[in-house]
PDB file of N, CA and C in Angstrom:
ATOM      1  N   MET A   1     115.871 -36.719  48.026  1.00  0.00           N
ATOM      2  CA  MET A   1     116.982 -37.621  48.274  1.00  0.00           C
ATOM      3  C   MET A   1     117.924 -36.993  49.293  1.00  0.00           C
ATOM      4  N   VAL A   2     118.537 -37.858  50.073  1.00  0.00           N
ATOM      5  CA  VAL A   2     119.524 -37.404  51.048  1.00  0.00           C
ATOM      6  C   VAL A   2     120.826 -38.169  50.840  1.00  0.00           C
ATOM      7  N   CYS A   3     121.910 -37.552  51.244  1.00  0.00           N
ATOM      8  CA  CYS A   3     123.238 -38.135  51.122  1.00  0.00           C
ATOM      9  C   CYS A   3     123.397 -39.305  52.098  1.00  0.00           C
ATOM     10  N   ARG A   4     123.959 -40.407  51.604  1.00  0.00           N
ATOM     11  CA  ARG A   4     124.232 -41.547  52.484  1.00  0.00           C
ATOM     12  C   ARG A   4     125.357 -41.234  53.451  1.00  0.00           C
ATOM     13  N   ASN A   5     126.195 -40.272  53.098  1.00  0.00           N
ATOM     14  CA  ASN A   5     127.340 -39.929  53.931  1.00  0.00           C
ATOM     15  C   ASN A   5     126.932 -39.188  55.194  1.00  0.00           C
ATOM     16  N   ASP A   6     126.107 -38.137  55.048  1.00  0.00           N
ATOM     17  CA  ASP A   6     125.781 -37.324  56.223  1.00  0.00           C
ATOM     18  C   ASP A   6     124.317 -36.886  56.285  1.00  0.00           C
ATOM     19  N   ALA A   7     123.477 -37.473  55.451  1.00  0.00           N
ATOM     20  CA  ALA A   7     122.028 -37.206  55.431  1.00  0.00           C
ATOM     21  C   ALA A   7     121.688 -35.764  55.051  1.00  0.00           C
ATOM     22  N   SER A   8     122.609 -35.059  54.411  1.00  0.00           N
ATOM     23  CA  SER A   8     122.291 -33.718  53.927  1.00  0.00           C
ATOM     24  C   SER A   8     121.547 -33.847  52.598  1.00  0.00           C
ATOM     25  N   PRO A   9     120.843 -32.788  52.194  1.00  0.00           N
ATOM     26  CA  PRO A   9     120.104 -32.856  50.935  1.00  0.00           C
ATOM     27  C   PRO A   9     121.039 -33.127  49.749  1.00  0.00           C
ATOM     28  N   HIS A  10     120.538 -33.902  48.808  1.00  0.00           N
ATOM     29  CA  HIS A  10     121.298 -34.241  47.599  1.00  0.00           C
ATOM     30  C   HIS A  10     121.196 -33.101  46.609  1.00  0.00           C
ATOM     31  N   PRO A  11     122.226 -32.710  45.903  1.00  0.00           N
ATOM     32  CA  PRO A  11     123.582 -33.239  45.966  1.00  0.00           C
ATOM     33  C   PRO A  11     124.359 -32.627  47.120  1.00  0.00           C
ATOM     34  N   CYS A  12     124.938 -33.487  47.907  1.00  0.00           N
ATOM     35  CA  CYS A  12     125.701 -33.029  49.071  1.00  0.00           C
ATOM     36  C   CYS A  12     127.067 -32.518  48.642  1.00  0.00           C
ATOM     37  N   ARG A  13     127.782 -31.976  49.588  1.00  0.00           N
ATOM     38  CA  ARG A  13     129.116 -31.437  49.322  1.00  0.00           C
ATOM     39  C   ARG A  13     130.054 -32.517  48.795  1.00  0.00           C
ATOM     40  N   LEU A  14     129.995 -33.725  49.348  1.00  0.00           N
ATOM     41  CA  LEU A  14     130.845 -34.827  48.903  1.00  0.00           C
ATOM     42  C   LEU A  14     130.524 -35.208  47.457  1.00  0.00           C
ATOM     43  N   HIS A  15     129.251 -35.252  47.109  1.00  0.00           N
ATOM     44  CA  HIS A  15     128.835 -35.573  45.742  1.00  0.00           C
ATOM     45  C   HIS A  15     129.360 -34.518  44.759  1.00  0.00           C
ATOM     46  N   ARG A  16     129.196 -33.257  45.115  1.00  0.00           N
ATOM     47  CA  ARG A  16     129.660 -32.183  44.228  1.00  0.00           C
ATOM     48  C   ARG A  16     131.181 -32.244  44.055  1.00  0.00           C
ATOM     49  N   TRP A  17     131.906 -32.499  45.146  1.00  0.00           N
ATOM     50  CA  TRP A  17     133.354 -32.605  45.083  1.00  0.00           C
ATOM     51  C   TRP A  17     133.765 -33.782  44.197  1.00  0.00           C
ATOM     52  N   GLY A  18     133.168 -34.937  44.431  1.00  0.00           N
ATOM     53  CA  GLY A  18     133.509 -36.130  43.658  1.00  0.00           C
ATOM     54  C   GLY A  18     133.223 -35.958  42.177  1.00  0.00           C
ATOM     55  N   THR A  19     132.092 -35.354  41.870  1.00  0.00           N
ATOM     56  CA  THR A  19     131.744 -35.105  40.473  1.00  0.00           C
ATOM     57  C   THR A  19     132.754 -34.169  39.826  1.00  0.00           C
ATOM     58  N   ARG A  20     133.146 -33.144  40.552  1.00  0.00           N
ATOM     59  CA  ARG A  20     134.122 -32.181  40.041  1.00  0.00           C
ATOM     60  C   ARG A  20     135.484 -32.857  39.793  1.00  0.00           C
ATOM     61  N   VAL A  21     135.921 -33.708  40.719  1.00  0.00           N
ATOM     62  CA  VAL A  21     137.201 -34.400  40.574  1.00  0.00           C
ATOM     63  C   VAL A  21     137.172 -35.334  39.364  1.00  0.00           C
ATOM     64  N   LEU A  22     136.087 -36.086  39.203  1.00  0.00           N
ATOM     65  CA  LEU A  22     135.991 -36.993  38.058  1.00  0.00           C
ATOM     66  C   LEU A  22     135.963 -36.224  36.742  1.00  0.00           C
ATOM     67  N   ALA A  23     135.274 -35.092  36.714  1.00  0.00           N
ATOM     68  CA  ALA A  23     135.231 -34.271  35.508  1.00  0.00           C
ATOM     69  C   ALA A  23     136.624 -33.723  35.186  1.00  0.00           C
ATOM     70  N   LEU A  24     137.361 -33.299  36.205  1.00  0.00           N
ATOM     71  CA  LEU A  24     138.721 -32.818  35.990  1.00  0.00           C
ATOM     72  C   LEU A  24     139.638 -33.934  35.498  1.00  0.00           C
ATOM     73  N   ARG A  25     139.319 -35.160  35.871  1.00  0.00           N
ATOM     74  CA  ARG A  25     140.083 -36.339  35.440  1.00  0.00           C
ATOM     75  C   ARG A  25     139.816 -36.669  33.980  1.00  0.00           C
ATOM     76  N   GLY A  26     138.752 -36.073  33.405  1.00  0.00           N
ATOM     77  CA  GLY A  26     138.474 -36.268  31.989  1.00  0.00           C
ATOM     78  C   GLY A  26     137.238 -37.085  31.691  1.00  0.00           C
ATOM     79  N   LEU A  27     136.515 -37.512  32.724  1.00  0.00           N
ATOM     80  CA  LEU A  27     135.302 -38.278  32.471  1.00  0.00           C
ATOM     81  C   LEU A  27     134.181 -37.352  32.029  1.00  0.00           C
ATOM     82  N   ARG A  28     133.379 -37.849  31.104  1.00  0.00           N
ATOM     83  CA  ARG A  28     132.221 -37.094  30.631  1.00  0.00           C
ATOM     84  C   ARG A  28     131.073 -37.286  31.616  1.00  0.00           C
ATOM     85  N   ALA A  29     130.098 -36.387  31.546  1.00  0.00           N
ATOM     86  CA  ALA A  29     128.957 -36.422  32.460  1.00  0.00           C
ATOM     87  C   ALA A  29     128.253 -37.778  32.424  1.00  0.00           C
ATOM     88  N   ALA A  30     128.112 -38.368  31.236  1.00  0.00           N
ATOM     89  CA  ALA A  30     127.442 -39.669  31.111  1.00  0.00           C
ATOM     90  C   ALA A  30     128.222 -40.768  31.837  1.00  0.00           C
ATOM     91  N   GLU A  31     129.555 -40.700  31.784  1.00  0.00           N
ATOM     92  CA  GLU A  31     130.381 -41.692  32.475  1.00  0.00           C
ATOM     93  C   GLU A  31     130.262 -41.540  33.989  1.00  0.00           C
ATOM     94  N   ILE A  32     130.237 -40.305  34.443  1.00  0.00           N
ATOM     95  CA  ILE A  32     130.083 -40.042  35.877  1.00  0.00           C
ATOM     96  C   ILE A  32     128.711 -40.529  36.344  1.00  0.00           C
ATOM     97  N   ASP A  33     127.677 -40.232  35.573  1.00  0.00           N
ATOM     98  CA  ASP A  33     126.325 -40.687  35.917  1.00  0.00           C
ATOM     99  C   ASP A  33     126.260 -42.207  35.976  1.00  0.00           C
ATOM    100  N   ALA A  34     126.958 -42.890  35.056  1.00  0.00           N
ATOM    101  CA  ALA A  34     126.964 -44.355  35.053  1.00  0.00           C
ATOM    102  C   ALA A  34     127.635 -44.898  36.313  1.00  0.00           C
ATOM    103  N   LEU A  35     128.731 -44.258  36.749  1.00  0.00           N
ATOM    104  CA  LEU A  35     129.387 -44.687  37.984  1.00  0.00           C
ATOM    105  C   LEU A  35     128.464 -44.508  39.186  1.00  0.00           C
ATOM    106  N   ILE A  36     127.794 -43.377  39.223  1.00  0.00           N
ATOM    107  CA  ILE A  36     126.887 -43.103  40.339  1.00  0.00           C
ATOM    108  C   ILE A  36     125.729 -44.096  40.335  1.00  0.00           C
ATOM    109  N   GLU A  37     125.205 -44.368  39.164  1.00  0.00           N
ATOM    110  CA  GLU A  37     124.086 -45.321  39.044  1.00  0.00           C
ATOM    111  C   GLU A  37     124.498 -46.703  39.530  1.00  0.00           C
ATOM    112  N   ARG A  38     125.704 -47.109  39.169  1.00  0.00           N
ATOM    113  CA  ARG A  38     126.200 -48.417  39.583  1.00  0.00           C
ATOM    114  C   ARG A  38     126.415 -48.470  41.082  1.00  0.00           C
ATOM    115  N   GLY A  39     126.851 -47.352  41.660  1.00  0.00           N
ATOM    116  CA  GLY A  39     127.008 -47.265  43.105  1.00  0.00           C
ATOM    117  C   GLY A  39     128.110 -48.135  43.676  1.00  0.00           C
ATOM    118  N   ASP A  40     129.107 -48.459  42.887  1.00  0.00           N
ATOM    119  CA  ASP A  40     130.194 -49.316  43.356  1.00  0.00           C
ATOM    120  C   ASP A  40     131.398 -48.455  43.723  1.00  0.00           C
ATOM    121  N   PRO A  41     131.682 -48.279  45.016  1.00  0.00           N
ATOM    122  CA  PRO A  41     132.792 -47.418  45.411  1.00  0.00           C
ATOM    123  C   PRO A  41     134.156 -47.959  45.012  1.00  0.00           C
ATOM    124  N   THR A  42     134.239 -49.229  44.623  1.00  0.00           N
ATOM    125  CA  THR A  42     135.522 -49.791  44.215  1.00  0.00           C
ATOM    126  C   THR A  42     135.628 -49.925  42.701  1.00  0.00           C
ATOM    127  N   ALA A  43     134.689 -49.346  41.969  1.00  0.00           N
ATOM    128  CA  ALA A  43     134.680 -49.461  40.512  1.00  0.00           C
ATOM    129  C   ALA A  43     135.950 -48.858  39.922  1.00  0.00           C
ATOM    130  N   VAL A  44     136.524 -49.562  38.970  1.00  0.00           N
ATOM    131  CA  VAL A  44     137.717 -49.084  38.277  1.00  0.00           C
ATOM    132  C   VAL A  44     137.265 -48.459  36.968  1.00  0.00           C
ATOM    133  N   VAL A  45     137.678 -47.233  36.763  1.00  0.00           N
ATOM    134  CA  VAL A  45     137.299 -46.508  35.557  1.00  0.00           C
ATOM    135  C   VAL A  45     138.493 -46.467  34.630  1.00  0.00           C
ATOM    136  N   PRO A  46     138.320 -46.940  33.380  1.00  0.00           N
ATOM    137  CA  PRO A  46     139.450 -46.868  32.457  1.00  0.00           C
ATOM    138  C   PRO A  46     139.794 -45.422  32.144  1.00  0.00           C
ATOM    139  N   PRO A  47     141.058 -45.159  31.860  1.00  0.00           N
ATOM    140  CA  PRO A  47     141.428 -43.780  31.537  1.00  0.00           C
ATOM    141  C   PRO A  47     140.714 -43.317  30.277  1.00  0.00           C
ATOM    142  N   PRO A  48     140.382 -42.047  30.189  1.00  0.00           N
ATOM    143  CA  PRO A  48     139.694 -41.550  28.995  1.00  0.00           C
ATOM    144  C   PRO A  48     140.628 -41.563  27.785  1.00  0.00           C
ATOM    145  N   ASP A  49     140.046 -41.718  26.605  1.00  0.00           N
ATOM    146  CA  ASP A  49     140.827 -41.650  25.377  1.00  0.00           C
ATOM    147  C   ASP A  49     141.313 -40.225  25.189  1.00  0.00           C
ATOM    148  N   ARG A  50     142.583 -40.085  24.971  1.00  0.00           N
ATOM    149  CA  ARG A  50     143.159 -38.759  24.754  1.00  0.00           C
ATOM    150  C   ARG A  50     143.841 -38.746  23.392  1.00  0.00           C
ATOM    151  N   PRO A  51     143.662 -37.660  22.670  1.00  0.00           N
ATOM    152  CA  PRO A  51     144.359 -37.581  21.379  1.00  0.00           C
ATOM    153  C   PRO A  51     145.873 -37.623  21.574  1.00  0.00           C
ATOM    154  N   ALA A  52     146.547 -38.261  20.667  1.00  0.00           N
ATOM    155  CA  ALA A  52     148.010 -38.406  20.775  1.00  0.00           C
ATOM    156  C   ALA A  52     148.744 -37.144  20.409  1.00  0.00           C
TER     157      ALA A  52
END
């Protein structure tokens, strides 16, 4: 697989950065994978449940 952004081998630098940012935001790996699978750059992700 190659990156759609710059044709570099997958996972490209942009993919790794985006995954890291989403993980820091609190999304679990399965949620990130679902976003990637959907491939919708405008997808709205609900905030993660946080203990009160």
